[in-house]
Amino acid sequence: MFSPRLASRLLVTAAASVAALAALPVAAHADTGPIRMPPPPFGSPDMPVAPGGDHLTVTVVDSGTGNDGTSELECGPDGGTHADPAAACARLDELAGDGQDPFAPVPDGAFCTMQYGGNATAHITGTWHARAVDASYSLANGCEISRWNALRPVLPATAP
């Protein structure tokens, strides 16, 4: 049997335990929501492909080579108004096969040479490998020049 003194101690201990648990921060018990996983790398077999192929709009300004304007590039099957859709789609597939995102910006904090490649700019929008594309290009420094050149012939050659 319980003595009244033991029952009182148990009651005080239980009350103290409940009070201590209630004082814990809510965030310690909060649901943080779903875990967001990064998309699979380009070229991965797990990466979905848009039905009906990919469609990009490529706009180039001040290339200095007469290749300015807006063109449409379709891959799978290759076509559109781009100057060389087969070569452009092959280059995109090559980059994807290496697991690269051809439309990725220069990483923050990258060390880039302070060279100027000219006034050319480009903007690519659309859908490629089931992902939305909205990428801008320039020749403002060594990193941007390399990024532009890596995407040729999707982007045209430029003149300084």
N, C-alpha and C. Protein backbone atom coordinates (compact mmCIF):
# COMPACT_ATOMS: atom_id res chain seq x y z
N MET A 1 0.83 -1.18 0.00
CA MET A 1 0.00 0.00 0.00
C MET A 1 0.87 1.23 0.00
N PHE A 2 0.31 2.25 -0.56
CA PHE A 2 1.02 3.53 -0.60
C PHE A 2 0.73 4.31 0.67
N SER A 3 1.73 4.91 1.15
CA SER A 3 1.52 5.83 2.27
C SER A 3 1.14 7.17 1.69
N PRO A 4 0.45 8.00 2.43
CA PRO A 4 0.09 9.31 1.93
C PRO A 4 1.33 10.12 1.56
N ARG A 5 2.41 9.95 2.27
CA ARG A 5 3.64 10.68 1.99
C ARG A 5 4.23 10.24 0.64
N LEU A 6 4.26 8.94 0.35
CA LEU A 6 4.78 8.42 -0.92
C LEU A 6 3.89 8.88 -2.08
N ALA A 7 2.59 8.83 -1.90
CA ALA A 7 1.67 9.29 -2.93
C ALA A 7 1.89 10.77 -3.23
N SER A 8 2.14 11.56 -2.22
CA SER A 8 2.40 12.99 -2.40
C SER A 8 3.69 13.21 -3.19
N ARG A 9 4.72 12.43 -2.86
CA ARG A 9 6.00 12.55 -3.59
C ARG A 9 5.82 12.18 -5.06
N LEU A 10 5.09 11.09 -5.32
CA LEU A 10 4.87 10.68 -6.71
C LEU A 10 4.10 11.74 -7.48
N LEU A 11 3.12 12.33 -6.84
CA LEU A 11 2.33 13.37 -7.49
C LEU A 11 3.18 14.60 -7.81
N VAL A 12 4.03 15.02 -6.88
CA VAL A 12 4.91 16.18 -7.10
C VAL A 12 5.93 15.87 -8.20
N THR A 13 6.49 14.67 -8.20
CA THR A 13 7.47 14.28 -9.22
C THR A 13 6.81 14.25 -10.60
N ALA A 14 5.62 13.69 -10.69
CA ALA A 14 4.91 13.64 -11.97
C ALA A 14 4.59 15.04 -12.47
N ALA A 15 4.14 15.91 -11.57
CA ALA A 15 3.82 17.28 -11.97
C ALA A 15 5.07 18.01 -12.44
N ALA A 16 6.20 17.79 -11.76
CA ALA A 16 7.45 18.44 -12.16
C ALA A 16 7.90 17.93 -13.53
N SER A 17 7.73 16.64 -13.78
CA SER A 17 8.12 16.08 -15.08
C SER A 17 7.28 16.66 -16.21
N VAL A 18 5.98 16.76 -15.98
CA VAL A 18 5.09 17.34 -17.00
C VAL A 18 5.47 18.79 -17.25
N ALA A 19 5.76 19.55 -16.21
CA ALA A 19 6.13 20.95 -16.36
C ALA A 19 7.44 21.09 -17.12
N ALA A 20 8.40 20.20 -16.84
CA ALA A 20 9.70 20.25 -17.54
C ALA A 20 9.52 19.96 -19.02
N LEU A 21 8.72 18.95 -19.35
CA LEU A 21 8.49 18.63 -20.76
C LEU A 21 7.74 19.74 -21.48
N ALA A 22 6.82 20.36 -20.80
CA ALA A 22 6.05 21.44 -21.41
C ALA A 22 6.92 22.67 -21.66
N ALA A 23 8.00 22.80 -20.93
CA ALA A 23 8.87 23.97 -21.08
C ALA A 23 9.86 23.82 -22.23
N LEU A 24 9.97 22.62 -22.82
CA LEU A 24 10.90 22.43 -23.95
C LEU A 24 10.44 23.28 -25.13
N PRO A 25 11.39 23.75 -25.93
CA PRO A 25 11.01 24.55 -27.10
C PRO A 25 10.15 23.73 -28.06
N VAL A 26 9.18 24.38 -28.64
CA VAL A 26 8.28 23.72 -29.58
C VAL A 26 9.05 23.20 -30.78
N ALA A 27 10.06 23.93 -31.23
CA ALA A 27 10.82 23.54 -32.41
C ALA A 27 11.50 22.20 -32.22
N ALA A 28 11.77 21.82 -30.99
CA ALA A 28 12.40 20.54 -30.75
C ALA A 28 11.48 19.40 -31.14
N HIS A 29 10.19 19.66 -31.22
CA HIS A 29 9.23 18.62 -31.55
C HIS A 29 8.50 18.91 -32.86
N ALA A 30 8.82 20.00 -33.52
CA ALA A 30 8.08 20.40 -34.71
C ALA A 30 8.46 19.54 -35.90
N ASP A 31 7.51 19.35 -36.78
CA ASP A 31 7.76 18.66 -38.04
C ASP A 31 8.43 19.65 -38.97
N THR A 32 9.57 19.30 -39.51
CA THR A 32 10.30 20.22 -40.38
C THR A 32 9.85 20.13 -41.83
N GLY A 33 8.88 19.30 -42.10
CA GLY A 33 8.36 19.19 -43.45
C GLY A 33 9.13 18.16 -44.25
N PRO A 34 8.82 18.05 -45.55
CA PRO A 34 9.48 17.04 -46.37
C PRO A 34 10.93 17.40 -46.62
N ILE A 35 11.75 16.40 -46.78
CA ILE A 35 13.15 16.61 -47.12
C ILE A 35 13.22 16.85 -48.63
N ARG A 36 13.84 17.93 -49.03
CA ARG A 36 13.95 18.26 -50.45
C ARG A 36 15.25 17.69 -50.99
N MET A 37 15.12 16.77 -51.90
CA MET A 37 16.29 16.14 -52.50
C MET A 37 16.63 16.90 -53.78
N PRO A 38 17.93 17.07 -54.07
CA PRO A 38 18.29 17.73 -55.32
C PRO A 38 17.88 16.86 -56.50
N PRO A 39 17.61 17.50 -57.64
CA PRO A 39 17.24 16.70 -58.81
C PRO A 39 18.43 15.86 -59.24
N PRO A 40 18.18 14.76 -59.95
CA PRO A 40 19.30 13.94 -60.41
C PRO A 40 20.16 14.74 -61.38
N PRO A 41 21.44 14.42 -61.49
CA PRO A 41 22.30 15.16 -62.41
C PRO A 41 21.85 14.99 -63.85
N PHE A 42 22.18 15.98 -64.68
CA PHE A 42 21.84 15.87 -66.09
C PHE A 42 22.48 14.62 -66.66
N GLY A 43 21.74 13.93 -67.50
CA GLY A 43 22.25 12.72 -68.12
C GLY A 43 22.02 11.48 -67.30
N SER A 44 21.51 11.61 -66.08
CA SER A 44 21.28 10.47 -65.21
C SER A 44 20.13 9.65 -65.74
N PRO A 45 20.19 8.32 -65.59
CA PRO A 45 19.05 7.50 -66.04
C PRO A 45 17.80 7.77 -65.21
N ASP A 46 17.94 8.37 -64.01
CA ASP A 46 16.79 8.68 -63.18
C ASP A 46 16.13 9.99 -63.58
N MET A 47 16.74 10.73 -64.49
CA MET A 47 16.22 12.04 -64.86
C MET A 47 15.09 11.88 -65.88
N PRO A 48 13.93 12.47 -65.61
CA PRO A 48 12.84 12.36 -66.58
C PRO A 48 13.14 13.19 -67.83
N VAL A 49 12.60 12.77 -68.94
CA VAL A 49 12.75 13.50 -70.19
C VAL A 49 11.38 13.99 -70.61
N ALA A 50 11.31 15.24 -71.02
CA ALA A 50 10.04 15.83 -71.41
C ALA A 50 9.48 15.11 -72.62
N PRO A 51 8.21 14.75 -72.58
CA PRO A 51 7.61 14.12 -73.76
C PRO A 51 7.60 15.12 -74.91
N GLY A 52 7.88 14.64 -76.12
CA GLY A 52 7.85 15.52 -77.27
C GLY A 52 9.13 16.30 -77.46
N GLY A 53 10.17 16.02 -76.71
CA GLY A 53 11.45 16.69 -76.89
C GLY A 53 11.59 17.96 -76.10
N ASP A 54 12.68 18.63 -76.33
CA ASP A 54 13.03 19.84 -75.60
C ASP A 54 12.94 21.04 -76.53
N HIS A 55 12.60 22.19 -75.95
CA HIS A 55 12.44 23.41 -76.73
C HIS A 55 13.12 24.56 -76.00
N LEU A 56 14.05 25.23 -76.69
CA LEU A 56 14.76 26.37 -76.12
C LEU A 56 14.66 27.56 -77.06
N THR A 57 14.55 28.75 -76.48
CA THR A 57 14.61 29.99 -77.24
C THR A 57 15.93 30.64 -76.90
N VAL A 58 16.74 30.89 -77.92
CA VAL A 58 18.08 31.44 -77.75
C VAL A 58 18.10 32.84 -78.36
N THR A 59 18.42 33.84 -77.52
CA THR A 59 18.49 35.23 -77.99
C THR A 59 19.92 35.72 -77.78
N VAL A 60 20.53 36.21 -78.85
CA VAL A 60 21.91 36.70 -78.83
C VAL A 60 21.93 38.16 -79.27
N VAL A 61 22.69 38.99 -78.54
CA VAL A 61 22.80 40.42 -78.84
C VAL A 61 24.28 40.79 -78.86
N ASP A 62 24.69 41.61 -79.83
CA ASP A 62 26.05 42.17 -79.94
C ASP A 62 27.14 41.11 -80.05
N SER A 63 26.90 40.06 -80.81
CA SER A 63 27.93 39.02 -80.96
C SER A 63 29.10 39.50 -81.80
N GLY A 64 28.85 40.50 -82.65
CA GLY A 64 29.91 41.02 -83.51
C GLY A 64 30.21 40.14 -84.71
N THR A 65 29.42 39.06 -84.88
CA THR A 65 29.65 38.14 -85.99
C THR A 65 28.44 38.02 -86.91
N GLY A 66 27.44 38.85 -86.70
CA GLY A 66 26.24 38.79 -87.52
C GLY A 66 25.29 37.67 -87.11
N ASN A 67 25.52 37.07 -85.96
CA ASN A 67 24.67 35.98 -85.49
C ASN A 67 23.67 36.42 -84.43
N ASP A 68 23.36 37.71 -84.40
CA ASP A 68 22.42 38.23 -83.41
C ASP A 68 21.00 37.85 -83.79
N GLY A 69 20.13 37.83 -82.77
CA GLY A 69 18.72 37.56 -83.01
C GLY A 69 18.22 36.45 -82.12
N THR A 70 17.01 36.05 -82.39
CA THR A 70 16.36 35.00 -81.60
C THR A 70 16.10 33.80 -82.48
N SER A 71 16.44 32.63 -81.97
CA SER A 71 16.19 31.39 -82.71
C SER A 71 15.56 30.37 -81.77
N GLU A 72 14.90 29.42 -82.36
CA GLU A 72 14.28 28.33 -81.60
C GLU A 72 15.11 27.07 -81.83
N LEU A 73 15.36 26.35 -80.74
CA LEU A 73 16.12 25.10 -80.83
C LEU A 73 15.27 23.99 -80.24
N GLU A 74 15.04 22.95 -81.03
CA GLU A 74 14.29 21.80 -80.57
C GLU A 74 15.20 20.58 -80.66
N CYS A 75 15.20 19.79 -79.59
CA CYS A 75 16.00 18.57 -79.55
C CYS A 75 15.09 17.40 -79.28
N GLY A 76 15.28 16.33 -80.03
CA GLY A 76 14.50 15.11 -79.85
C GLY A 76 13.12 15.18 -80.46
N PRO A 77 12.93 15.35 -81.71
CA PRO A 77 13.91 15.43 -82.80
C PRO A 77 14.49 16.84 -82.94
N ASP A 78 15.69 16.88 -83.53
CA ASP A 78 16.39 18.16 -83.71
C ASP A 78 15.71 19.00 -84.77
N GLY A 79 15.59 20.30 -84.47
CA GLY A 79 14.95 21.18 -85.43
C GLY A 79 14.84 22.59 -84.89
N GLY A 80 14.00 23.37 -85.51
CA GLY A 80 13.81 24.76 -85.12
C GLY A 80 14.52 25.68 -86.08
N THR A 81 14.59 26.95 -85.70
CA THR A 81 15.22 27.96 -86.57
C THR A 81 16.68 28.21 -86.20
N HIS A 82 17.24 27.46 -85.27
CA HIS A 82 18.64 27.59 -84.89
C HIS A 82 19.51 27.29 -86.11
N ALA A 83 20.68 27.93 -86.21
CA ALA A 83 21.56 27.76 -87.36
C ALA A 83 22.03 26.32 -87.54
N ASP A 84 22.27 25.57 -86.46
CA ASP A 84 22.74 24.20 -86.56
C ASP A 84 22.15 23.37 -85.41
N PRO A 85 20.86 23.02 -85.53
CA PRO A 85 20.21 22.33 -84.42
C PRO A 85 20.85 20.98 -84.07
N ALA A 86 21.30 20.23 -85.06
CA ALA A 86 21.89 18.91 -84.77
C ALA A 86 23.15 19.06 -83.92
N ALA A 87 24.03 19.99 -84.29
CA ALA A 87 25.27 20.19 -83.53
C ALA A 87 24.97 20.76 -82.14
N ALA A 88 24.00 21.68 -82.05
CA ALA A 88 23.66 22.29 -80.76
C ALA A 88 23.08 21.23 -79.82
N CYS A 89 22.17 20.41 -80.31
CA CYS A 89 21.59 19.36 -79.47
C CYS A 89 22.63 18.33 -79.07
N ALA A 90 23.53 18.00 -80.00
CA ALA A 90 24.61 17.06 -79.68
C ALA A 90 25.50 17.61 -78.57
N ARG A 91 25.79 18.91 -78.60
CA ARG A 91 26.62 19.51 -77.55
C ARG A 91 25.91 19.46 -76.20
N LEU A 92 24.63 19.78 -76.18
CA LEU A 92 23.87 19.71 -74.93
C LEU A 92 23.85 18.28 -74.39
N ASP A 93 23.66 17.31 -75.27
CA ASP A 93 23.66 15.91 -74.84
C ASP A 93 25.03 15.49 -74.33
N GLU A 94 26.09 15.99 -74.97
CA GLU A 94 27.45 15.68 -74.52
C GLU A 94 27.69 16.20 -73.10
N LEU A 95 27.28 17.44 -72.86
CA LEU A 95 27.45 18.01 -71.51
C LEU A 95 26.61 17.24 -70.50
N ALA A 96 25.39 16.88 -70.87
CA ALA A 96 24.53 16.13 -69.95
C ALA A 96 25.11 14.75 -69.68
N GLY A 97 25.71 14.15 -70.70
CA GLY A 97 26.33 12.84 -70.53
C GLY A 97 27.47 12.87 -69.54
N ASP A 98 28.11 14.03 -69.40
CA ASP A 98 29.19 14.20 -68.42
C ASP A 98 28.63 14.58 -67.05
N GLY A 99 27.30 14.63 -66.92
CA GLY A 99 26.67 14.98 -65.65
C GLY A 99 26.66 16.47 -65.35
N GLN A 100 26.95 17.29 -66.36
CA GLN A 100 26.98 18.74 -66.17
C GLN A 100 25.62 19.35 -66.48
N ASP A 101 25.34 20.46 -65.81
CA ASP A 101 24.18 21.27 -66.14
C ASP A 101 24.68 22.36 -67.07
N PRO A 102 24.38 22.28 -68.36
CA PRO A 102 24.92 23.26 -69.31
C PRO A 102 24.43 24.68 -69.07
N PHE A 103 23.39 24.83 -68.27
CA PHE A 103 22.82 26.15 -68.05
C PHE A 103 23.13 26.71 -66.66
N ALA A 104 23.97 26.01 -65.91
CA ALA A 104 24.32 26.46 -64.56
C ALA A 104 25.11 27.76 -64.61
N PRO A 105 24.82 28.68 -63.69
CA PRO A 105 25.60 29.93 -63.64
C PRO A 105 26.99 29.67 -63.07
N VAL A 106 27.85 30.67 -63.19
CA VAL A 106 29.16 30.60 -62.56
C VAL A 106 28.92 30.51 -61.05
N PRO A 107 29.56 29.56 -60.38
CA PRO A 107 29.32 29.42 -58.93
C PRO A 107 29.70 30.68 -58.16
N ASP A 108 28.94 30.96 -57.11
CA ASP A 108 29.27 32.08 -56.23
C ASP A 108 30.67 31.87 -55.66
N GLY A 109 31.44 32.92 -55.60
CA GLY A 109 32.78 32.85 -55.02
C GLY A 109 33.84 32.32 -55.97
N ALA A 110 33.48 32.06 -57.23
CA ALA A 110 34.47 31.57 -58.19
C ALA A 110 35.51 32.66 -58.47
N PHE A 111 36.75 32.24 -58.61
CA PHE A 111 37.82 33.17 -58.96
C PHE A 111 37.90 33.22 -60.48
N CYS A 112 37.64 34.40 -61.04
CA CYS A 112 37.59 34.56 -62.49
C CYS A 112 38.62 35.60 -62.93
N THR A 113 39.27 35.33 -64.06
CA THR A 113 40.22 36.30 -64.57
C THR A 113 39.48 37.57 -64.96
N MET A 114 40.13 38.67 -64.76
CA MET A 114 39.52 39.97 -65.07
C MET A 114 39.84 40.33 -66.52
N GLN A 115 39.28 39.58 -67.43
CA GLN A 115 39.41 39.89 -68.84
C GLN A 115 38.03 40.16 -69.39
N TYR A 116 37.98 40.94 -70.42
CA TYR A 116 36.70 41.33 -71.01
C TYR A 116 36.65 40.76 -72.41
N GLY A 117 35.60 40.01 -72.72
CA GLY A 117 35.51 39.35 -74.01
C GLY A 117 34.64 40.05 -75.02
N GLY A 118 34.04 41.17 -74.66
CA GLY A 118 33.20 41.90 -75.60
C GLY A 118 31.82 42.15 -75.04
N ASN A 119 30.98 42.76 -75.88
CA ASN A 119 29.64 43.18 -75.46
C ASN A 119 28.57 42.11 -75.62
N ALA A 120 28.91 40.98 -76.17
CA ALA A 120 27.89 39.97 -76.47
C ALA A 120 27.17 39.51 -75.21
N THR A 121 25.86 39.34 -75.35
CA THR A 121 25.04 38.76 -74.30
C THR A 121 24.09 37.76 -74.94
N ALA A 122 23.64 36.82 -74.14
CA ALA A 122 22.68 35.83 -74.64
C ALA A 122 21.74 35.46 -73.50
N HIS A 123 20.57 35.03 -73.89
CA HIS A 123 19.56 34.59 -72.92
C HIS A 123 18.90 33.35 -73.50
N ILE A 124 18.86 32.28 -72.72
CA ILE A 124 18.24 31.03 -73.15
C ILE A 124 17.10 30.70 -72.19
N THR A 125 15.93 30.48 -72.76
CA THR A 125 14.76 30.10 -71.96
C THR A 125 14.10 28.89 -72.60
N GLY A 126 13.28 28.21 -71.83
CA GLY A 126 12.53 27.08 -72.36
C GLY A 126 12.59 25.89 -71.44
N THR A 127 12.54 24.71 -72.05
CA THR A 127 12.56 23.45 -71.31
C THR A 127 13.59 22.53 -71.93
N TRP A 128 14.41 21.94 -71.07
CA TRP A 128 15.41 20.98 -71.53
C TRP A 128 15.50 19.87 -70.50
N HIS A 129 15.33 18.64 -70.94
CA HIS A 129 15.34 17.46 -70.07
C HIS A 129 14.36 17.64 -68.91
N ALA A 130 13.17 18.09 -69.24
CA ALA A 130 12.05 18.26 -68.31
C ALA A 130 12.31 19.31 -67.24
N ARG A 131 13.27 20.18 -67.46
CA ARG A 131 13.57 21.24 -66.50
C ARG A 131 13.43 22.59 -67.18
N ALA A 132 12.92 23.55 -66.41
CA ALA A 132 12.81 24.91 -66.93
C ALA A 132 14.20 25.51 -67.03
N VAL A 133 14.43 26.24 -68.12
CA VAL A 133 15.72 26.90 -68.35
C VAL A 133 15.47 28.40 -68.43
N ASP A 134 16.27 29.16 -67.72
CA ASP A 134 16.26 30.62 -67.79
C ASP A 134 17.68 31.06 -67.44
N ALA A 135 18.54 31.10 -68.45
CA ALA A 135 19.97 31.34 -68.23
C ALA A 135 20.44 32.53 -69.06
N SER A 136 21.27 33.35 -68.44
CA SER A 136 21.86 34.51 -69.12
C SER A 136 23.36 34.32 -69.26
N TYR A 137 23.90 34.83 -70.34
CA TYR A 137 25.32 34.68 -70.65
C TYR A 137 25.89 36.04 -71.04
N SER A 138 27.18 36.22 -70.75
CA SER A 138 27.90 37.43 -71.17
C SER A 138 29.36 37.06 -71.34
N LEU A 139 30.16 38.05 -71.67
CA LEU A 139 31.61 37.85 -71.80
C LEU A 139 32.33 38.77 -70.83
N ALA A 140 31.75 38.97 -69.64
CA ALA A 140 32.23 39.96 -68.68
C ALA A 140 33.54 39.60 -67.99
N ASN A 141 33.89 38.31 -67.93
CA ASN A 141 35.14 37.90 -67.28
C ASN A 141 35.51 36.51 -67.79
N GLY A 142 36.64 36.01 -67.32
CA GLY A 142 37.12 34.72 -67.81
C GLY A 142 36.16 33.57 -67.58
N CYS A 143 35.49 33.56 -66.44
CA CYS A 143 34.53 32.49 -66.15
C CYS A 143 33.35 32.54 -67.11
N GLU A 144 32.83 33.74 -67.36
CA GLU A 144 31.69 33.88 -68.26
C GLU A 144 32.09 33.56 -69.71
N ILE A 145 33.31 33.94 -70.09
CA ILE A 145 33.80 33.60 -71.44
C ILE A 145 33.87 32.09 -71.60
N SER A 146 34.43 31.40 -70.61
CA SER A 146 34.53 29.93 -70.66
C SER A 146 33.15 29.29 -70.71
N ARG A 147 32.24 29.83 -69.93
CA ARG A 147 30.87 29.31 -69.90
C ARG A 147 30.21 29.45 -71.27
N TRP A 148 30.40 30.61 -71.91
CA TRP A 148 29.85 30.83 -73.26
C TRP A 148 30.46 29.84 -74.24
N ASN A 149 31.79 29.75 -74.23
CA ASN A 149 32.49 28.88 -75.19
C ASN A 149 32.13 27.41 -74.99
N ALA A 150 31.86 27.00 -73.75
CA ALA A 150 31.49 25.61 -73.50
C ALA A 150 30.14 25.27 -74.11
N LEU A 151 29.33 26.26 -74.37
CA LEU A 151 27.99 26.02 -74.91
C LEU A 151 27.92 26.21 -76.43
N ARG A 152 29.06 26.45 -77.06
CA ARG A 152 29.05 26.54 -78.52
C ARG A 152 28.87 25.16 -79.11
N PRO A 153 28.06 24.94 -80.07
CA PRO A 153 27.41 25.85 -81.00
C PRO A 153 25.98 26.25 -80.62
N VAL A 154 25.53 25.95 -79.39
CA VAL A 154 24.23 26.47 -78.99
C VAL A 154 24.28 28.00 -79.06
N LEU A 155 25.38 28.57 -78.53
CA LEU A 155 25.65 30.01 -78.65
C LEU A 155 26.68 30.19 -79.77
N PRO A 156 26.60 31.27 -80.52
CA PRO A 156 27.51 31.44 -81.65
C PRO A 156 28.90 31.93 -81.20
N ALA A 157 29.85 31.81 -82.12
CA ALA A 157 31.15 32.42 -81.90
C ALA A 157 30.96 33.92 -81.82
N THR A 158 31.86 34.59 -81.12
CA THR A 158 31.76 36.05 -80.97
C THR A 158 33.04 36.71 -81.45
N ALA A 159 32.94 37.99 -81.69
CA ALA A 159 34.11 38.80 -82.06
C ALA A 159 34.34 39.81 -80.94
N PRO A 160 35.59 40.03 -80.58
CA PRO A 160 35.87 41.01 -79.49
C PRO A 160 35.51 42.42 -79.87
